[in-house]
Amino acid sequence: MVVFDEMGANVGLTPTPARAPRNEPAYARAPGNHGANHTTLAVLTPAGLVAAMTVRGAADALTVEAFGRVLVVPLLRPGQVLVLDNVATHKGARLRRLVEAAGCQLRFLPAYSPDLSPIEEAFAKLKALLRRAKARTATALEAAIGIALEAITPRDARHFFAHCGYGTTK
């Protein structure tokens, strides 16, 4: 099983819990303007994150199709199932033809079912790491995304799949 999705991030990501010495107020700074979103497209298998790309702005159907053509389809082996969530940008006919030409199946999750998608757990870990990084420029955010992507281990991936009901952690 191969899972493909995207997540957004911006320079306004800030840790939500604040810490301070007892009986003292906690102060933190967060930018009022979150700037442009950065969209990270990624592919997760039980072996880990196997492909990722970040673009400035939103990922439209053409971006999804290009990512699929260049980075996803070459990774697929005949008989595999590529799972995507039920978003319109994922339902392009070109992407379907590319996946089926590789001898694979394309499956969509039911609407509003992130609990069935292991990559959502990977993205939760990525966003927690990005909040801690407190990247306040686009360049710093892109670097932090790269570091956070590398922090997803094969062990994490196996656990994400198992937690969603797709196999075991062994």
Protein backbone atom coordinates (compact mmCIF):
# COMPACT_ATOMS: atom_id res chain seq x y z
CA MET A 1 0.00 0.00 0.00
CA VAL A 2 1.23 3.46 -0.94
CA VAL A 3 -0.42 6.59 0.50
CA PHE A 4 -0.16 10.00 -1.17
CA ASP A 5 -1.38 13.30 0.28
CA GLU A 6 -0.37 16.89 0.93
CA MET A 7 -0.24 19.24 3.89
CA GLY A 8 0.09 22.99 4.25
CA ALA A 9 2.44 24.95 6.47
CA ASN A 10 3.39 28.59 6.93
CA VAL A 11 5.74 30.77 9.00
CA GLY A 12 3.06 31.27 11.65
CA LEU A 13 3.32 27.74 13.05
CA THR A 14 3.92 28.15 16.76
CA PRO A 15 3.92 25.64 19.62
CA THR A 16 0.53 25.74 21.29
CA PRO A 17 1.46 24.93 24.89
CA ALA A 18 3.48 27.64 26.63
CA ARG A 19 5.88 26.97 29.48
CA ALA A 20 7.18 29.27 32.16
CA PRO A 21 8.49 29.00 35.71
CA ARG A 22 5.79 28.45 38.32
CA ASN A 23 3.72 31.55 39.10
CA GLU A 24 5.14 33.49 36.15
CA PRO A 25 3.33 34.25 32.91
CA ALA A 26 4.45 32.49 29.74
CA TYR A 27 5.29 34.69 26.79
CA ALA A 28 5.81 33.68 23.20
CA ARG A 29 5.99 35.58 19.96
CA ALA A 30 4.16 34.55 16.84
CA PRO A 31 3.88 36.50 13.61
CA GLY A 32 0.54 38.17 12.99
CA ASN A 33 0.92 37.63 9.25
CA HIS A 34 1.38 33.96 8.45
CA GLY A 35 2.64 34.63 4.94
CA ALA A 36 2.06 32.37 1.99
CA ASN A 37 1.34 28.71 2.55
CA HIS A 38 3.82 26.06 1.52
CA THR A 39 2.31 22.77 0.42
CA THR A 40 4.25 19.57 0.95
CA LEU A 41 3.23 16.61 -1.19
CA ALA A 42 4.46 13.28 0.14
CA VAL A 43 4.23 9.53 -0.34
CA LEU A 44 4.26 7.13 2.60
CA THR A 45 4.80 3.38 2.51
CA PRO A 46 5.39 1.00 5.43
CA ALA A 47 9.09 1.53 4.67
CA GLY A 48 8.84 5.30 5.32
CA LEU A 49 8.47 8.49 3.33
CA VAL A 50 9.68 7.63 -0.15
CA ALA A 51 9.02 10.88 -2.02
CA ALA A 52 8.25 14.47 -1.09
CA MET A 53 8.13 17.88 -2.69
CA THR A 54 7.27 21.32 -1.35
CA VAL A 55 5.74 24.10 -3.42
CA ARG A 56 4.88 27.64 -2.48
CA GLY A 57 1.14 28.13 -2.49
CA ALA A 58 -1.56 25.53 -2.94
CA ALA A 59 -1.20 22.31 -4.90
CA ASP A 60 -3.65 22.31 -7.79
CA ALA A 61 -4.56 19.35 -10.00
CA LEU A 62 -1.63 20.05 -12.36
CA THR A 63 0.85 20.05 -9.46
CA VAL A 64 -0.60 16.79 -8.12
CA GLU A 65 -0.44 15.20 -11.59
CA ALA A 66 3.17 16.36 -12.12
CA PHE A 67 4.22 15.03 -8.71
CA GLY A 68 2.49 11.75 -9.50
CA ARG A 69 4.09 11.47 -12.93
CA VAL A 70 7.64 12.37 -11.87
CA LEU A 71 7.97 11.06 -8.31
CA VAL A 72 5.13 8.65 -7.48
CA VAL A 73 4.54 6.43 -10.51
CA PRO A 74 8.26 5.51 -10.92
CA LEU A 75 8.16 4.15 -7.33
CA LEU A 76 5.12 1.94 -7.91
CA ARG A 77 5.39 -1.78 -8.54
CA PRO A 78 2.68 -3.64 -10.47
CA GLY A 79 -0.15 -4.75 -8.20
CA GLN A 80 0.29 -2.00 -5.61
CA VAL A 81 -2.59 0.18 -4.45
CA LEU A 82 -2.13 3.96 -4.36
CA VAL A 83 -4.43 5.50 -1.75
CA LEU A 84 -5.44 9.16 -1.81
CA ASP A 85 -7.99 11.16 0.11
CA ASN A 86 -11.21 12.25 -1.53
CA VAL A 87 -10.11 15.72 -2.74
CA ALA A 88 -10.96 16.97 -6.22
CA THR A 89 -7.31 17.71 -7.09
CA HIS A 90 -6.53 14.01 -6.62
CA LYS A 91 -9.20 12.81 -9.05
CA GLY A 92 -7.63 13.86 -12.35
CA ALA A 93 -8.00 11.45 -15.25
CA ARG A 94 -4.30 11.81 -16.14
CA LEU A 95 -3.18 10.66 -12.69
CA ARG A 96 -5.54 7.67 -12.89
CA ARG A 97 -4.20 6.71 -16.33
CA LEU A 98 -0.58 6.97 -15.11
CA VAL A 99 -1.23 4.77 -12.08
CA GLU A 100 -3.19 2.18 -14.05
CA ALA A 101 -0.52 2.15 -16.80
CA ALA A 102 1.97 1.17 -14.06
CA GLY A 103 -0.21 -1.87 -13.32
CA CYS A 104 -1.51 -0.42 -10.05
CA GLN A 105 -4.88 0.49 -8.60
CA LEU A 106 -5.99 3.94 -7.48
CA ARG A 107 -8.27 4.03 -4.44
CA PHE A 108 -9.85 6.99 -2.67
CA LEU A 109 -10.62 7.14 1.03
CA PRO A 110 -14.16 8.00 2.09
CA ALA A 111 -14.77 11.70 2.73
CA TYR A 112 -13.76 12.95 6.18
CA SER A 113 -11.78 9.87 7.16
CA PRO A 114 -8.26 10.99 8.16
CA ASP A 115 -8.23 8.16 10.71
CA LEU A 116 -7.88 5.73 7.77
CA SER A 117 -4.84 7.51 6.32
CA PRO A 118 -1.42 6.71 7.83
CA ILE A 119 0.12 9.77 6.19
CA GLU A 120 -2.07 12.02 8.35
CA GLU A 121 -0.14 10.73 11.38
CA ALA A 122 3.13 11.46 9.61
CA PHE A 123 1.90 14.99 8.90
CA ALA A 124 0.94 15.45 12.57
CA LYS A 125 4.53 14.61 13.54
CA LEU A 126 5.86 16.93 10.82
CA LYS A 127 3.72 19.84 12.00
CA ALA A 128 4.77 19.31 15.62
CA LEU A 129 8.41 19.49 14.50
CA LEU A 130 7.71 22.60 12.41
CA ARG A 131 6.02 24.32 15.37
CA ARG A 132 9.12 23.65 17.49
CA ALA A 133 11.40 24.91 14.70
CA LYS A 134 9.62 28.32 14.72
CA ALA A 135 10.74 29.07 11.16
CA ARG A 136 9.87 32.72 10.48
CA THR A 137 10.99 33.11 6.87
CA ALA A 138 10.05 31.16 3.76
CA THR A 139 13.62 29.92 3.38
CA ALA A 140 13.80 28.81 7.01
CA LEU A 141 10.43 27.08 6.68
CA GLU A 142 11.54 25.16 3.60
CA ALA A 143 14.71 24.05 5.42
CA ALA A 144 12.67 23.03 8.49
CA ILE A 145 10.29 21.02 6.30
CA GLY A 146 13.27 19.12 4.85
CA ILE A 147 14.63 18.33 8.32
CA ALA A 148 11.17 17.32 9.58
CA LEU A 149 10.64 14.99 6.60
CA GLU A 150 13.89 13.20 7.44
CA ALA A 151 12.64 12.68 11.01
CA ILE A 152 9.94 10.24 9.84
CA THR A 153 11.59 6.87 10.32
CA PRO A 154 10.62 3.51 8.80
CA ARG A 155 9.61 2.45 12.32
CA ASP A 156 7.28 5.47 12.53
CA ALA A 157 5.76 4.56 9.17
CA ARG A 158 5.08 0.96 10.22
CA HIS A 159 3.40 2.21 13.38
CA PHE A 160 1.30 4.75 11.42
CA PHE A 161 0.06 1.96 9.15
CA ALA A 162 -0.63 -0.38 12.08
CA HIS A 163 -2.49 2.35 13.99
CA CYS A 164 -4.80 2.82 10.98
CA GLY A 165 -5.45 -0.94 10.84
CA TYR A 166 -3.13 -1.87 7.95
CA GLY A 167 -0.91 -4.59 9.38
CA THR A 168 1.34 -4.99 12.39
CA THR A 169 4.40 -3.24 13.81
CA LYS A 170 6.56 -6.39 13.48
